[in-house]
Amino acid sequence: MASAQRLPRDIPFETDAEYQRLAEQHRQYEAELQKISRSPYLNSEDLLEEIKLKKLKLHCKDEMERIAARIVRAQANSSQ
C-alpha cells in the first residue's frame, strides 16, 4: 500500500494537536455517516443523526481550515 506523499508544508499541520484532534473527529464522523448510508432504509432518527453528523463534520473542517490559515500566516510572517 502506497503512503500519501507528504509535502513540507503539511508538517506543521501534523504537529498541531488541535488540528490532529479535529482531523480524527472528522474521520470518525465520516465513518459514522458511511455506516448510516449503508442502511437500506433510514428512519427519522437516522435522518436526524445524518444531518447532525454532517454539521459536526463541516464544523471540524471549518476549524481545521482556520488552524491551517493561522499556521500559513505564521510561516509567512516568520519567513519575512
N, C-alpha and C. Protein backbone atom coordinates (compact mmCIF):
# COMPACT_ATOMS: atom_id res chain seq x y z
N MET A 1 0.85 -1.19 0.00
CA MET A 1 0.00 0.00 0.00
C MET A 1 0.88 1.24 0.00
N ALA A 2 0.67 2.11 -0.94
CA ALA A 2 1.48 3.32 -1.05
C ALA A 2 0.99 4.36 -0.05
N SER A 3 1.93 5.01 0.62
CA SER A 3 1.54 6.05 1.56
C SER A 3 1.41 7.36 0.80
N ALA A 4 0.61 8.25 1.35
CA ALA A 4 0.41 9.55 0.72
C ALA A 4 1.69 10.35 0.81
N GLN A 5 2.03 11.02 -0.25
CA GLN A 5 3.23 11.86 -0.28
C GLN A 5 3.00 13.07 0.60
N ARG A 6 3.93 13.34 1.50
CA ARG A 6 3.80 14.49 2.40
C ARG A 6 4.65 15.65 1.87
N LEU A 7 4.04 16.79 1.78
CA LEU A 7 4.76 17.99 1.37
C LEU A 7 5.31 18.67 2.61
N PRO A 8 6.40 19.39 2.52
CA PRO A 8 6.95 20.07 3.69
C PRO A 8 5.95 21.00 4.36
N ARG A 9 5.05 21.59 3.58
CA ARG A 9 4.06 22.49 4.18
C ARG A 9 3.03 21.75 5.01
N ASP A 10 2.90 20.41 4.86
CA ASP A 10 1.95 19.63 5.64
C ASP A 10 2.45 19.35 7.05
N ILE A 11 3.75 19.42 7.26
CA ILE A 11 4.33 19.04 8.55
C ILE A 11 3.79 19.87 9.71
N PRO A 12 3.69 21.20 9.62
CA PRO A 12 3.15 21.96 10.76
C PRO A 12 1.73 21.53 11.13
N PHE A 13 0.91 21.16 10.14
CA PHE A 13 -0.44 20.73 10.44
C PHE A 13 -0.43 19.44 11.24
N GLU A 14 0.51 18.55 10.89
CA GLU A 14 0.61 17.28 11.58
C GLU A 14 1.11 17.43 13.01
N THR A 15 1.80 18.52 13.29
CA THR A 15 2.33 18.71 14.64
C THR A 15 1.39 19.53 15.52
N ASP A 16 0.33 20.07 14.97
CA ASP A 16 -0.63 20.84 15.75
C ASP A 16 -1.64 19.88 16.38
N ALA A 17 -1.67 19.81 17.71
CA ALA A 17 -2.51 18.84 18.42
C ALA A 17 -3.99 19.08 18.17
N GLU A 18 -4.40 20.32 18.15
CA GLU A 18 -5.82 20.63 17.92
C GLU A 18 -6.23 20.23 16.51
N TYR A 19 -5.36 20.49 15.54
CA TYR A 19 -5.63 20.09 14.16
C TYR A 19 -5.77 18.58 14.07
N GLN A 20 -4.89 17.85 14.73
CA GLN A 20 -4.95 16.39 14.72
C GLN A 20 -6.22 15.88 15.38
N ARG A 21 -6.61 16.50 16.50
CA ARG A 21 -7.85 16.09 17.18
C ARG A 21 -9.05 16.30 16.27
N LEU A 22 -9.10 17.44 15.61
CA LEU A 22 -10.20 17.74 14.70
C LEU A 22 -10.20 16.80 13.49
N ALA A 23 -9.02 16.48 12.97
CA ALA A 23 -8.93 15.56 11.84
C ALA A 23 -9.45 14.17 12.23
N GLU A 24 -9.12 13.74 13.44
CA GLU A 24 -9.60 12.43 13.91
C GLU A 24 -11.12 12.45 14.09
N GLN A 25 -11.65 13.52 14.66
CA GLN A 25 -13.11 13.64 14.80
C GLN A 25 -13.77 13.62 13.43
N HIS A 26 -13.19 14.34 12.48
CA HIS A 26 -13.72 14.39 11.12
C HIS A 26 -13.80 12.99 10.53
N ARG A 27 -12.73 12.20 10.73
CA ARG A 27 -12.71 10.81 10.23
C ARG A 27 -13.78 9.96 10.92
N GLN A 28 -13.96 10.16 12.22
CA GLN A 28 -14.98 9.40 12.95
C GLN A 28 -16.38 9.74 12.46
N TYR A 29 -16.65 11.02 12.25
CA TYR A 29 -17.96 11.42 11.74
C TYR A 29 -18.20 10.83 10.35
N GLU A 30 -17.16 10.82 9.52
CA GLU A 30 -17.30 10.25 8.18
C GLU A 30 -17.60 8.76 8.27
N ALA A 31 -16.93 8.06 9.17
CA ALA A 31 -17.18 6.62 9.35
C ALA A 31 -18.61 6.37 9.80
N GLU A 32 -19.11 7.20 10.71
CA GLU A 32 -20.49 7.05 11.17
C GLU A 32 -21.48 7.34 10.03
N LEU A 33 -21.17 8.35 9.22
CA LEU A 33 -22.03 8.65 8.07
C LEU A 33 -22.04 7.49 7.08
N GLN A 34 -20.89 6.88 6.84
CA GLN A 34 -20.82 5.73 5.95
C GLN A 34 -21.65 4.57 6.48
N LYS A 35 -21.60 4.38 7.79
CA LYS A 35 -22.37 3.30 8.42
C LYS A 35 -23.88 3.55 8.22
N ILE A 36 -24.30 4.78 8.41
CA ILE A 36 -25.71 5.12 8.24
C ILE A 36 -26.12 4.94 6.77
N SER A 37 -25.25 5.36 5.85
CA SER A 37 -25.60 5.30 4.43
C SER A 37 -25.73 3.87 3.90
N ARG A 38 -25.14 2.90 4.61
CA ARG A 38 -25.25 1.51 4.18
C ARG A 38 -26.61 0.90 4.48
N SER A 39 -27.37 1.55 5.33
CA SER A 39 -28.69 1.04 5.69
C SER A 39 -29.65 1.18 4.51
N PRO A 40 -30.41 0.12 4.22
CA PRO A 40 -31.34 0.20 3.09
C PRO A 40 -32.52 1.14 3.36
N TYR A 41 -32.81 1.35 4.63
CA TYR A 41 -33.93 2.22 4.99
C TYR A 41 -33.50 3.10 6.15
N LEU A 42 -33.74 4.41 6.03
CA LEU A 42 -33.42 5.34 7.11
C LEU A 42 -34.71 5.84 7.74
N ASN A 43 -34.83 5.62 9.05
CA ASN A 43 -35.99 6.17 9.75
C ASN A 43 -35.71 7.63 10.10
N SER A 44 -36.65 8.28 10.73
CA SER A 44 -36.49 9.71 11.01
C SER A 44 -35.32 9.97 11.96
N GLU A 45 -35.08 9.06 12.90
CA GLU A 45 -33.93 9.23 13.81
C GLU A 45 -32.62 9.14 13.04
N ASP A 46 -32.55 8.21 12.09
CA ASP A 46 -31.35 8.07 11.26
C ASP A 46 -31.11 9.33 10.43
N LEU A 47 -32.17 9.87 9.88
CA LEU A 47 -32.05 11.08 9.07
C LEU A 47 -31.57 12.26 9.91
N LEU A 48 -32.11 12.39 11.11
CA LEU A 48 -31.67 13.46 12.01
C LEU A 48 -30.21 13.26 12.40
N GLU A 49 -29.82 12.02 12.68
CA GLU A 49 -28.43 11.73 13.03
C GLU A 49 -27.51 12.05 11.86
N GLU A 50 -27.95 11.73 10.65
CA GLU A 50 -27.16 12.03 9.46
C GLU A 50 -26.94 13.54 9.33
N ILE A 51 -27.98 14.32 9.53
CA ILE A 51 -27.87 15.78 9.45
C ILE A 51 -26.92 16.30 10.52
N LYS A 52 -27.08 15.78 11.74
CA LYS A 52 -26.22 16.20 12.85
C LYS A 52 -24.75 15.88 12.55
N LEU A 53 -24.48 14.68 12.06
CA LEU A 53 -23.11 14.28 11.75
C LEU A 53 -22.51 15.13 10.64
N LYS A 54 -23.30 15.46 9.64
CA LYS A 54 -22.81 16.30 8.55
C LYS A 54 -22.45 17.69 9.07
N LYS A 55 -23.26 18.23 9.97
CA LYS A 55 -22.96 19.55 10.54
C LYS A 55 -21.70 19.49 11.39
N LEU A 56 -21.56 18.44 12.21
CA LEU A 56 -20.38 18.30 13.05
C LEU A 56 -19.12 18.13 12.19
N LYS A 57 -19.24 17.35 11.14
CA LYS A 57 -18.12 17.12 10.23
C LYS A 57 -17.70 18.44 9.56
N LEU A 58 -18.68 19.22 9.12
CA LEU A 58 -18.40 20.51 8.50
C LEU A 58 -17.74 21.47 9.50
N HIS A 59 -18.22 21.44 10.73
CA HIS A 59 -17.63 22.29 11.76
C HIS A 59 -16.15 21.93 11.97
N CYS A 60 -15.86 20.64 12.01
CA CYS A 60 -14.46 20.20 12.15
C CYS A 60 -13.63 20.71 10.99
N LYS A 61 -14.16 20.58 9.79
CA LYS A 61 -13.42 21.01 8.60
C LYS A 61 -13.17 22.52 8.65
N ASP A 62 -14.19 23.28 9.05
CA ASP A 62 -14.03 24.74 9.16
C ASP A 62 -12.94 25.10 10.17
N GLU A 63 -12.94 24.41 11.31
CA GLU A 63 -11.93 24.68 12.33
C GLU A 63 -10.53 24.28 11.84
N MET A 64 -10.45 23.17 11.11
CA MET A 64 -9.17 22.75 10.55
C MET A 64 -8.66 23.80 9.56
N GLU A 65 -9.54 24.34 8.76
CA GLU A 65 -9.15 25.39 7.80
C GLU A 65 -8.68 26.65 8.53
N ARG A 66 -9.34 26.97 9.63
CA ARG A 66 -8.95 28.14 10.43
C ARG A 66 -7.54 27.94 10.99
N ILE A 67 -7.27 26.75 11.51
CA ILE A 67 -5.94 26.44 12.06
C ILE A 67 -4.91 26.47 10.94
N ALA A 68 -5.24 25.88 9.80
CA ALA A 68 -4.31 25.86 8.66
C ALA A 68 -3.97 27.29 8.22
N ALA A 69 -4.97 28.15 8.17
CA ALA A 69 -4.73 29.54 7.76
C ALA A 69 -3.83 30.24 8.78
N ARG A 70 -4.04 29.97 10.06
CA ARG A 70 -3.21 30.57 11.10
C ARG A 70 -1.76 30.11 10.95
N ILE A 71 -1.56 28.82 10.69
CA ILE A 71 -0.20 28.28 10.54
C ILE A 71 0.48 28.88 9.31
N VAL A 72 -0.26 28.97 8.22
CA VAL A 72 0.31 29.54 6.99
C VAL A 72 0.70 31.00 7.21
N ARG A 73 -0.15 31.75 7.91
CA ARG A 73 0.17 33.16 8.22
C ARG A 73 1.43 33.24 9.07
N ALA A 74 1.53 32.36 10.07
CA ALA A 74 2.71 32.36 10.94
C ALA A 74 3.96 32.02 10.16
N GLN A 75 3.87 31.08 9.23
CA GLN A 75 5.02 30.72 8.40
C GLN A 75 5.42 31.89 7.50
N ALA A 76 4.42 32.56 6.95
CA ALA A 76 4.70 33.70 6.06
C ALA A 76 5.36 34.84 6.86
N ASN A 77 4.89 35.07 8.07
CA ASN A 77 5.45 36.13 8.89
C ASN A 77 6.88 35.79 9.34
N SER A 78 7.14 34.52 9.59
CA SER A 78 8.49 34.14 10.06
C SER A 78 9.50 34.11 8.91
N SER A 79 9.03 33.98 7.69
CA SER A 79 9.96 33.95 6.56
C SER A 79 10.30 35.34 6.04
N GLN A 80 9.65 36.35 6.57
CA GLN A 80 9.90 37.72 6.11
C GLN A 80 11.08 38.33 6.82
